Amino acid sequence: MRSCGIPFTEVVRQSSDVRVNLVDRVLRYEITETFVNRGSRVGEADFMFPLPKGAAFQDLKLSINGELVSGGDDERRSCATDL
């Protein structure tokens, strides 16, 4: 993971899970990735997920130590714009 200009922390991907559903000729992917911070301080990183042309981004959820952290509409709009 890129360290965003701060000293590198030991954040590593522990697992990935991809589920695909086909409904009314539309594929919907649900992707779950788990990261572990093996370092001694808080880690920070950019999560980049490329989308093919014509694809749509619907939702992003973040869970930290089992607690769901969600952004407001501004953060979601910004994220969709960045994609």
PDB file of N, CA and C in Angstrom:
ATOM      1  N   MET A   1       0.815  -1.193   0.000  1.00  0.00           N
ATOM      2  CA  MET A   1       0.000   0.000   0.000  1.00  0.00           C
ATOM      3  C   MET A   1       0.851   1.247   0.000  1.00  0.00           C
ATOM      4  N   ARG A   2       0.394   2.249  -0.721  1.00  0.00           N
ATOM      5  CA  ARG A   2       1.079   3.533  -0.752  1.00  0.00           C
ATOM      6  C   ARG A   2       0.867   4.232   0.579  1.00  0.00           C
ATOM      7  N   SER A   3       1.865   4.931   1.046  1.00  0.00           N
ATOM      8  CA  SER A   3       1.819   5.491   2.394  1.00  0.00           C
ATOM      9  C   SER A   3       1.289   6.915   2.463  1.00  0.00           C
ATOM     10  N   CYS A   4       0.863   7.515   1.366  1.00  0.00           N
ATOM     11  CA  CYS A   4       0.250   8.851   1.352  1.00  0.00           C
ATOM     12  C   CYS A   4       1.165   9.927   1.929  1.00  0.00           C
ATOM     13  N   GLY A   5       2.453   9.815   1.749  1.00  0.00           N
ATOM     14  CA  GLY A   5       3.364  10.850   2.204  1.00  0.00           C
ATOM     15  C   GLY A   5       3.765  10.760   3.663  1.00  0.00           C
ATOM     16  N   ILE A   6       3.226   9.797   4.397  1.00  0.00           N
ATOM     17  CA  ILE A   6       3.633   9.615   5.785  1.00  0.00           C
ATOM     18  C   ILE A   6       4.483   8.354   5.865  1.00  0.00           C
ATOM     19  N   PRO A   7       5.253   8.193   6.928  1.00  0.00           N
ATOM     20  CA  PRO A   7       6.098   6.998   7.025  1.00  0.00           C
ATOM     21  C   PRO A   7       5.281   5.723   6.853  1.00  0.00           C
ATOM     22  N   PHE A   8       5.847   4.746   6.163  1.00  0.00           N
ATOM     23  CA  PHE A   8       5.169   3.489   5.865  1.00  0.00           C
ATOM     24  C   PHE A   8       4.792   2.752   7.143  1.00  0.00           C
ATOM     25  N   THR A   9       3.570   2.260   7.188  1.00  0.00           N
ATOM     26  CA  THR A   9       3.133   1.395   8.286  1.00  0.00           C
ATOM     27  C   THR A   9       2.915   0.003   7.724  1.00  0.00           C
ATOM     28  N   GLU A  10       2.883  -0.948   8.565  1.00  0.00           N
ATOM     29  CA  GLU A  10       2.782  -2.338   8.115  1.00  0.00           C
ATOM     30  C   GLU A  10       1.328  -2.759   7.942  1.00  0.00           C
ATOM     31  N   VAL A  11       0.644  -2.131   6.991  1.00  0.00           N
ATOM     32  CA  VAL A  11      -0.725  -2.501   6.665  1.00  0.00           C
ATOM     33  C   VAL A  11      -0.676  -3.461   5.494  1.00  0.00           C
ATOM     34  N   VAL A  12      -1.205  -4.673   5.700  1.00  0.00           N
ATOM     35  CA  VAL A  12      -1.165  -5.693   4.655  1.00  0.00           C
ATOM     36  C   VAL A  12      -2.568  -6.259   4.416  1.00  0.00           C
ATOM     37  N   ARG A  13      -2.830  -6.667   3.170  1.00  0.00           N
ATOM     38  CA  ARG A  13      -4.109  -7.296   2.861  1.00  0.00           C
ATOM     39  C   ARG A  13      -4.090  -8.714   3.397  1.00  0.00           C
ATOM     40  N   GLN A  14      -5.086  -9.040   4.187  1.00  0.00           N
ATOM     41  CA  GLN A  14      -5.183 -10.363   4.788  1.00  0.00           C
ATOM     42  C   GLN A  14      -6.049 -11.301   3.948  1.00  0.00           C
ATOM     43  N   SER A  15      -7.128 -10.765   3.357  1.00  0.00           N
ATOM     44  CA  SER A  15      -7.990 -11.619   2.548  1.00  0.00           C
ATOM     45  C   SER A  15      -8.828 -10.789   1.582  1.00  0.00           C
ATOM     46  N   SER A  16      -9.318 -11.456   0.544  1.00  0.00           N
ATOM     47  CA  SER A  16     -10.228 -10.853  -0.427  1.00  0.00           C
ATOM     48  C   SER A  16     -11.332 -11.856  -0.728  1.00  0.00           C
ATOM     49  N   ASP A  17     -12.556 -11.348  -0.910  1.00  0.00           N
ATOM     50  CA  ASP A  17     -13.695 -12.193  -1.237  1.00  0.00           C
ATOM     51  C   ASP A  17     -14.529 -11.458  -2.276  1.00  0.00           C
ATOM     52  N   VAL A  18     -14.871 -12.121  -3.366  1.00  0.00           N
ATOM     53  CA  VAL A  18     -15.668 -11.508  -4.434  1.00  0.00           C
ATOM     54  C   VAL A  18     -16.911 -12.350  -4.650  1.00  0.00           C
ATOM     55  N   ARG A  19     -18.068 -11.688  -4.638  1.00  0.00           N
ATOM     56  CA  ARG A  19     -19.343 -12.353  -4.916  1.00  0.00           C
ATOM     57  C   ARG A  19     -20.004 -11.638  -6.077  1.00  0.00           C
ATOM     58  N   VAL A  20     -20.594 -12.408  -6.980  1.00  0.00           N
ATOM     59  CA  VAL A  20     -21.221 -11.841  -8.174  1.00  0.00           C
ATOM     60  C   VAL A  20     -22.644 -12.369  -8.280  1.00  0.00           C
ATOM     61  N   ASN A  21     -23.594 -11.454  -8.503  1.00  0.00           N
ATOM     62  CA  ASN A  21     -24.987 -11.821  -8.726  1.00  0.00           C
ATOM     63  C   ASN A  21     -25.438 -11.246 -10.059  1.00  0.00           C
ATOM     64  N   LEU A  22     -26.186 -12.030 -10.824  1.00  0.00           N
ATOM     65  CA  LEU A  22     -26.751 -11.584 -12.092  1.00  0.00           C
ATOM     66  C   LEU A  22     -28.262 -11.465 -11.914  1.00  0.00           C
ATOM     67  N   VAL A  23     -28.778 -10.233 -12.055  1.00  0.00           N
ATOM     68  CA  VAL A  23     -30.207  -9.983 -11.932  1.00  0.00           C
ATOM     69  C   VAL A  23     -30.620  -9.052 -13.070  1.00  0.00           C
ATOM     70  N   ASP A  24     -31.604  -9.473 -13.844  1.00  0.00           N
ATOM     71  CA  ASP A  24     -32.109  -8.657 -14.956  1.00  0.00           C
ATOM     72  C   ASP A  24     -30.993  -8.161 -15.874  1.00  0.00           C
ATOM     73  N   ARG A  25     -30.094  -9.037 -16.244  1.00  0.00           N
ATOM     74  CA  ARG A  25     -28.981  -8.739 -17.161  1.00  0.00           C
ATOM     75  C   ARG A  25     -27.978  -7.733 -16.602  1.00  0.00           C
ATOM     76  N   VAL A  26     -27.975  -7.555 -15.289  1.00  0.00           N
ATOM     77  CA  VAL A  26     -27.010  -6.656 -14.635  1.00  0.00           C
ATOM     78  C   VAL A  26     -26.191  -7.469 -13.641  1.00  0.00           C
ATOM     79  N   LEU A  27     -24.867  -7.386 -13.783  1.00  0.00           N
ATOM     80  CA  LEU A  27     -23.979  -8.044 -12.824  1.00  0.00           C
ATOM     81  C   LEU A  27     -23.716  -7.105 -11.659  1.00  0.00           C
ATOM     82  N   ARG A  28     -23.866  -7.599 -10.452  1.00  0.00           N
ATOM     83  CA  ARG A  28     -23.562  -6.816  -9.259  1.00  0.00           C
ATOM     84  C   ARG A  28     -22.476  -7.553  -8.488  1.00  0.00           C
ATOM     85  N   TYR A  29     -21.355  -6.854  -8.281  1.00  0.00           N
ATOM     86  CA  TYR A  29     -20.215  -7.417  -7.562  1.00  0.00           C
ATOM     87  C   TYR A  29     -20.204  -6.889  -6.135  1.00  0.00           C
ATOM     88  N   GLU A  30     -19.939  -7.764  -5.194  1.00  0.00           N
ATOM     89  CA  GLU A  30     -19.705  -7.363  -3.807  1.00  0.00           C
ATOM     90  C   GLU A  30     -18.302  -7.835  -3.456  1.00  0.00           C
ATOM     91  N   ILE A  31     -17.444  -6.889  -3.120  1.00  0.00           N
ATOM     92  CA  ILE A  31     -16.045  -7.205  -2.854  1.00  0.00           C
ATOM     93  C   ILE A  31     -15.732  -6.859  -1.408  1.00  0.00           C
ATOM     94  N   THR A  32     -15.209  -7.824  -0.695  1.00  0.00           N
ATOM     95  CA  THR A  32     -14.804  -7.613   0.696  1.00  0.00           C
ATOM     96  C   THR A  32     -13.306  -7.854   0.792  1.00  0.00           C
ATOM     97  N   GLU A  33     -12.582  -6.861   1.275  1.00  0.00           N
ATOM     98  CA  GLU A  33     -11.147  -7.021   1.485  1.00  0.00           C
ATOM     99  C   GLU A  33     -10.837  -6.699   2.947  1.00  0.00           C
ATOM    100  N   THR A  34      -9.990  -7.503   3.533  1.00  0.00           N
ATOM    101  CA  THR A  34      -9.610  -7.327   4.930  1.00  0.00           C
ATOM    102  C   THR A  34      -8.133  -6.982   4.996  1.00  0.00           C
ATOM    103  N   PHE A  35      -7.828  -5.900   5.705  1.00  0.00           N
ATOM    104  CA  PHE A  35      -6.454  -5.448   5.890  1.00  0.00           C
ATOM    105  C   PHE A  35      -6.117  -5.502   7.376  1.00  0.00           C
ATOM    106  N   VAL A  36      -4.858  -5.781   7.668  1.00  0.00           N
ATOM    107  CA  VAL A  36      -4.390  -5.851   9.044  1.00  0.00           C
ATOM    108  C   VAL A  36      -3.220  -4.893   9.205  1.00  0.00           C
ATOM    109  N   ASN A  37      -3.256  -4.112  10.280  1.00  0.00           N
ATOM    110  CA  ASN A  37      -2.151  -3.216  10.596  1.00  0.00           C
ATOM    111  C   ASN A  37      -1.236  -3.942  11.576  1.00  0.00           C
ATOM    112  N   ARG A  38      -0.076  -4.366  11.103  1.00  0.00           N
ATOM    113  CA  ARG A  38       0.886  -5.078  11.947  1.00  0.00           C
ATOM    114  C   ARG A  38       1.900  -4.121  12.580  1.00  0.00           C
ATOM    115  N   GLY A  39       1.720  -2.839  12.308  1.00  0.00           N
ATOM    116  CA  GLY A  39       2.631  -1.837  12.846  1.00  0.00           C
ATOM    117  C   GLY A  39       2.212  -1.363  14.227  1.00  0.00           C
ATOM    118  N   SER A  40       2.972  -0.446  14.763  1.00  0.00           N
ATOM    119  CA  SER A  40       2.720   0.051  16.117  1.00  0.00           C
ATOM    120  C   SER A  40       1.985   1.391  16.114  1.00  0.00           C
ATOM    121  N   ARG A  41       1.610   1.897  14.927  1.00  0.00           N
ATOM    122  CA  ARG A  41       0.893   3.171  14.860  1.00  0.00           C
ATOM    123  C   ARG A  41      -0.250   3.069  13.848  1.00  0.00           C
ATOM    124  N   VAL A  42      -1.092   4.070  13.849  1.00  0.00           N
ATOM    125  CA  VAL A  42      -2.237   4.104  12.948  1.00  0.00           C
ATOM    126  C   VAL A  42      -1.739   4.173  11.507  1.00  0.00           C
ATOM    127  N   GLY A  43      -2.321   3.348  10.645  1.00  0.00           N
ATOM    128  CA  GLY A  43      -1.946   3.344   9.241  1.00  0.00           C
ATOM    129  C   GLY A  43      -2.936   4.154   8.419  1.00  0.00           C
ATOM    130  N   GLU A  44      -2.460   4.666   7.308  1.00  0.00           N
ATOM    131  CA  GLU A  44      -3.307   5.420   6.388  1.00  0.00           C
ATOM    132  C   GLU A  44      -2.913   5.034   4.974  1.00  0.00           C
ATOM    133  N   ALA A  45      -3.915   4.882   4.108  1.00  0.00           N
ATOM    134  CA  ALA A  45      -3.621   4.488   2.730  1.00  0.00           C
ATOM    135  C   ALA A  45      -4.749   4.929   1.817  1.00  0.00           C
ATOM    136  N   ASP A  46      -4.461   4.998   0.529  1.00  0.00           N
ATOM    137  CA  ASP A  46      -5.476   5.238  -0.490  1.00  0.00           C
ATOM    138  C   ASP A  46      -5.925   3.885  -1.019  1.00  0.00           C
ATOM    139  N   PHE A  47      -7.227   3.692  -1.130  1.00  0.00           N
ATOM    140  CA  PHE A  47      -7.754   2.468  -1.707  1.00  0.00           C
ATOM    141  C   PHE A  47      -8.244   2.811  -3.106  1.00  0.00           C
ATOM    142  N   MET A  48      -7.597   2.234  -4.099  1.00  0.00           N
ATOM    143  CA  MET A  48      -7.959   2.530  -5.484  1.00  0.00           C
ATOM    144  C   MET A  48      -8.524   1.269  -6.122  1.00  0.00           C
ATOM    145  N   PHE A  49      -9.677   1.434  -6.770  1.00  0.00           N
ATOM    146  CA  PHE A  49     -10.325   0.301  -7.416  1.00  0.00           C
ATOM    147  C   PHE A  49     -10.768   0.728  -8.809  1.00  0.00           C
ATOM    148  N   PRO A  50     -10.032   0.311  -9.835  1.00  0.00           N
ATOM    149  CA  PRO A  50     -10.375   0.743 -11.197  1.00  0.00           C
ATOM    150  C   PRO A  50     -11.679   0.111 -11.677  1.00  0.00           C
ATOM    151  N   LEU A  51     -12.485   0.905 -12.360  1.00  0.00           N
ATOM    152  CA  LEU A  51     -13.743   0.420 -12.924  1.00  0.00           C
ATOM    153  C   LEU A  51     -13.685   0.489 -14.447  1.00  0.00           C
ATOM    154  N   PRO A  52     -14.242  -0.510 -15.108  1.00  0.00           N
ATOM    155  CA  PRO A  52     -14.274  -0.453 -16.569  1.00  0.00           C
ATOM    156  C   PRO A  52     -15.248   0.614 -17.060  1.00  0.00           C
ATOM    157  N   LYS A  53     -15.078   1.044 -18.282  1.00  0.00           N
ATOM    158  CA  LYS A  53     -15.947   2.051 -18.874  1.00  0.00           C
ATOM    159  C   LYS A  53     -17.401   1.565 -18.832  1.00  0.00           C
ATOM    160  N   GLY A  54     -18.297   2.445 -18.397  1.00  0.00           N
ATOM    161  CA  GLY A  54     -19.709   2.109 -18.322  1.00  0.00           C
ATOM    162  C   GLY A  54     -20.125   1.493 -16.998  1.00  0.00           C
ATOM    163  N   ALA A  55     -19.166   1.213 -16.115  1.00  0.00           N
ATOM    164  CA  ALA A  55     -19.497   0.627 -14.815  1.00  0.00           C
ATOM    165  C   ALA A  55     -19.943   1.723 -13.850  1.00  0.00           C
ATOM    166  N   ALA A  56     -20.699   1.345 -12.830  1.00  0.00           N
ATOM    167  CA  ALA A  56     -21.178   2.296 -11.821  1.00  0.00           C
ATOM    168  C   ALA A  56     -20.715   1.846 -10.446  1.00  0.00           C
ATOM    169  N   PHE A  57     -20.434   2.806  -9.596  1.00  0.00           N
ATOM    170  CA  PHE A  57     -20.018   2.569  -8.214  1.00  0.00           C
ATOM    171  C   PHE A  57     -21.205   2.900  -7.325  1.00  0.00           C
ATOM    172  N   GLN A  58     -21.582   1.981  -6.423  1.00  0.00           N
ATOM    173  CA  GLN A  58     -22.772   2.214  -5.621  1.00  0.00           C
ATOM    174  C   GLN A  58     -22.490   2.558  -4.172  1.00  0.00           C
ATOM    175  N   ASP A  59     -21.582   1.847  -3.508  1.00  0.00           N
ATOM    176  CA  ASP A  59     -21.465   2.018  -2.062  1.00  0.00           C
ATOM    177  C   ASP A  59     -20.063   1.627  -1.601  1.00  0.00           C
ATOM    178  N   LEU A  60     -19.636   2.240  -0.516  1.00  0.00           N
ATOM    179  CA  LEU A  60     -18.373   1.901   0.120  1.00  0.00           C
ATOM    180  C   LEU A  60     -18.591   1.929   1.623  1.00  0.00           C
ATOM    181  N   LYS A  61     -18.219   0.853   2.288  1.00  0.00           N
ATOM    182  CA  LYS A  61     -18.353   0.771   3.743  1.00  0.00           C
ATOM    183  C   LYS A  61     -17.001   0.398   4.319  1.00  0.00           C
ATOM    184  N   LEU A  62     -16.693   0.948   5.466  1.00  0.00           N
ATOM    185  CA  LEU A  62     -15.430   0.681   6.138  1.00  0.00           C
ATOM    186  C   LEU A  62     -15.722   0.248   7.565  1.00  0.00           C
ATOM    187  N   SER A  63     -15.153  -0.874   7.950  1.00  0.00           N
ATOM    188  CA  SER A  63     -15.301  -1.383   9.303  1.00  0.00           C
ATOM    189  C   SER A  63     -13.921  -1.401   9.952  1.00  0.00           C
ATOM    190  N   ILE A  64     -13.810  -0.755  11.109  1.00  0.00           N
ATOM    191  CA  ILE A  64     -12.551  -0.731  11.863  1.00  0.00           C
ATOM    192  C   ILE A  64     -12.789  -1.396  13.200  1.00  0.00           C
ATOM    193  N   ASN A  65     -12.085  -2.490  13.428  1.00  0.00           N
ATOM    194  CA  ASN A  65     -12.248  -3.280  14.650  1.00  0.00           C
ATOM    195  C   ASN A  65     -13.714  -3.625  14.905  1.00  0.00           C
ATOM    196  N   GLY A  66     -14.434  -3.983  13.843  1.00  0.00           N
ATOM    197  CA  GLY A  66     -15.828  -4.391  13.962  1.00  0.00           C
ATOM    198  C   GLY A  66     -16.821  -3.250  13.994  1.00  0.00           C
ATOM    199  N   GLU A  67     -16.364  -2.005  14.006  1.00  0.00           N
ATOM    200  CA  GLU A  67     -17.258  -0.849  14.043  1.00  0.00           C
ATOM    201  C   GLU A  67     -17.376  -0.256  12.646  1.00  0.00           C
ATOM    202  N   LEU A  68     -18.624  -0.132  12.159  1.00  0.00           N
ATOM    203  CA  LEU A  68     -18.853   0.404  10.824  1.00  0.00           C
ATOM    204  C   LEU A  68     -18.654   1.909  10.833  1.00  0.00           C
ATOM    205  N   VAL A  69     -17.768   2.369   9.967  1.00  0.00           N
ATOM    206  CA  VAL A  69     -17.474   3.800   9.830  1.00  0.00           C
ATOM    207  C   VAL A  69     -17.970   4.189   8.449  1.00  0.00           C
ATOM    208  N   SER A  70     -18.885   5.151   8.381  1.00  0.00           N
ATOM    209  CA  SER A  70     -19.395   5.548   7.073  1.00  0.00           C
ATOM    210  C   SER A  70     -19.280   7.055   6.925  1.00  0.00           C
ATOM    211  N   GLY A  71     -19.008   7.488   5.706  1.00  0.00           N
ATOM    212  CA  GLY A  71     -18.911   8.908   5.418  1.00  0.00           C
ATOM    213  C   GLY A  71     -20.267   9.476   5.074  1.00  0.00           C
ATOM    214  N   GLY A  72     -20.375  10.792   5.129  1.00  0.00           N
ATOM    215  CA  GLY A  72     -21.597  11.464   4.734  1.00  0.00           C
ATOM    216  C   GLY A  72     -21.702  11.525   3.230  1.00  0.00           C
ATOM    217  N   ASP A  73     -22.752  12.158   2.739  1.00  0.00           N
ATOM    218  CA  ASP A  73     -22.977  12.264   1.294  1.00  0.00           C
ATOM    219  C   ASP A  73     -21.818  12.949   0.591  1.00  0.00           C
ATOM    220  N   ASP A  74     -21.198  13.940   1.226  1.00  0.00           N
ATOM    221  CA  ASP A  74     -20.090  14.646   0.586  1.00  0.00           C
ATOM    222  C   ASP A  74     -18.929  13.717   0.303  1.00  0.00           C
ATOM    223  N   GLU A  75     -18.583  12.863   1.278  1.00  0.00           N
ATOM    224  CA  GLU A  75     -17.488  11.929   1.086  1.00  0.00           C
ATOM    225  C   GLU A  75     -17.815  10.922  -0.021  1.00  0.00           C
ATOM    226  N   ARG A  76     -19.048  10.431  -0.050  1.00  0.00           N
ATOM    227  CA  ARG A  76     -19.429   9.468  -1.076  1.00  0.00           C
ATOM    228  C   ARG A  76     -19.427  10.103  -2.454  1.00  0.00           C
ATOM    229  N   ARG A  77     -19.918  11.323  -2.536  1.00  0.00           N
ATOM    230  CA  ARG A  77     -19.940  12.029  -3.818  1.00  0.00           C
ATOM    231  C   ARG A  77     -18.511  12.261  -4.300  1.00  0.00           C
ATOM    232  N   SER A  78     -17.635  12.675  -3.366  1.00  0.00           N
ATOM    233  CA  SER A  78     -16.236  12.902  -3.714  1.00  0.00           C
ATOM    234  C   SER A  78     -15.584  11.623  -4.192  1.00  0.00           C
ATOM    235  N   CYS A  79     -15.862  10.530  -3.504  1.00  0.00           N
ATOM    236  CA  CYS A  79     -15.287   9.238  -3.869  1.00  0.00           C
ATOM    237  C   CYS A  79     -15.756   8.844  -5.267  1.00  0.00           C
ATOM    238  N   ALA A  80     -17.034   8.979  -5.540  1.00  0.00           N
ATOM    239  CA  ALA A  80     -17.561   8.611  -6.853  1.00  0.00           C
ATOM    240  C   ALA A  80     -16.949   9.483  -7.936  1.00  0.00           C
ATOM    241  N   THR A  81     -16.727  10.758  -7.615  1.00  0.00           N
ATOM    242  CA  THR A  81     -16.124  11.670  -8.586  1.00  0.00           C
ATOM    243  C   THR A  81     -14.678  11.274  -8.855  1.00  0.00           C
ATOM    244  N   ASP A  82     -13.948  10.887  -7.801  1.00  0.00           N
ATOM    245  CA  ASP A  82     -12.550  10.498  -7.952  1.00  0.00           C
ATOM    246  C   ASP A  82     -12.413   9.244  -8.799  1.00  0.00           C
ATOM    247  N   LEU A  83     -13.417   8.365  -8.748  1.00  0.00           N
ATOM    248  CA  LEU A  83     -13.355   7.111  -9.494  1.00  0.00           C
ATOM    249  C   LEU A  83     -13.509   7.423 -10.960  1.00  0.00           C
TER     250      LEU A  83
END
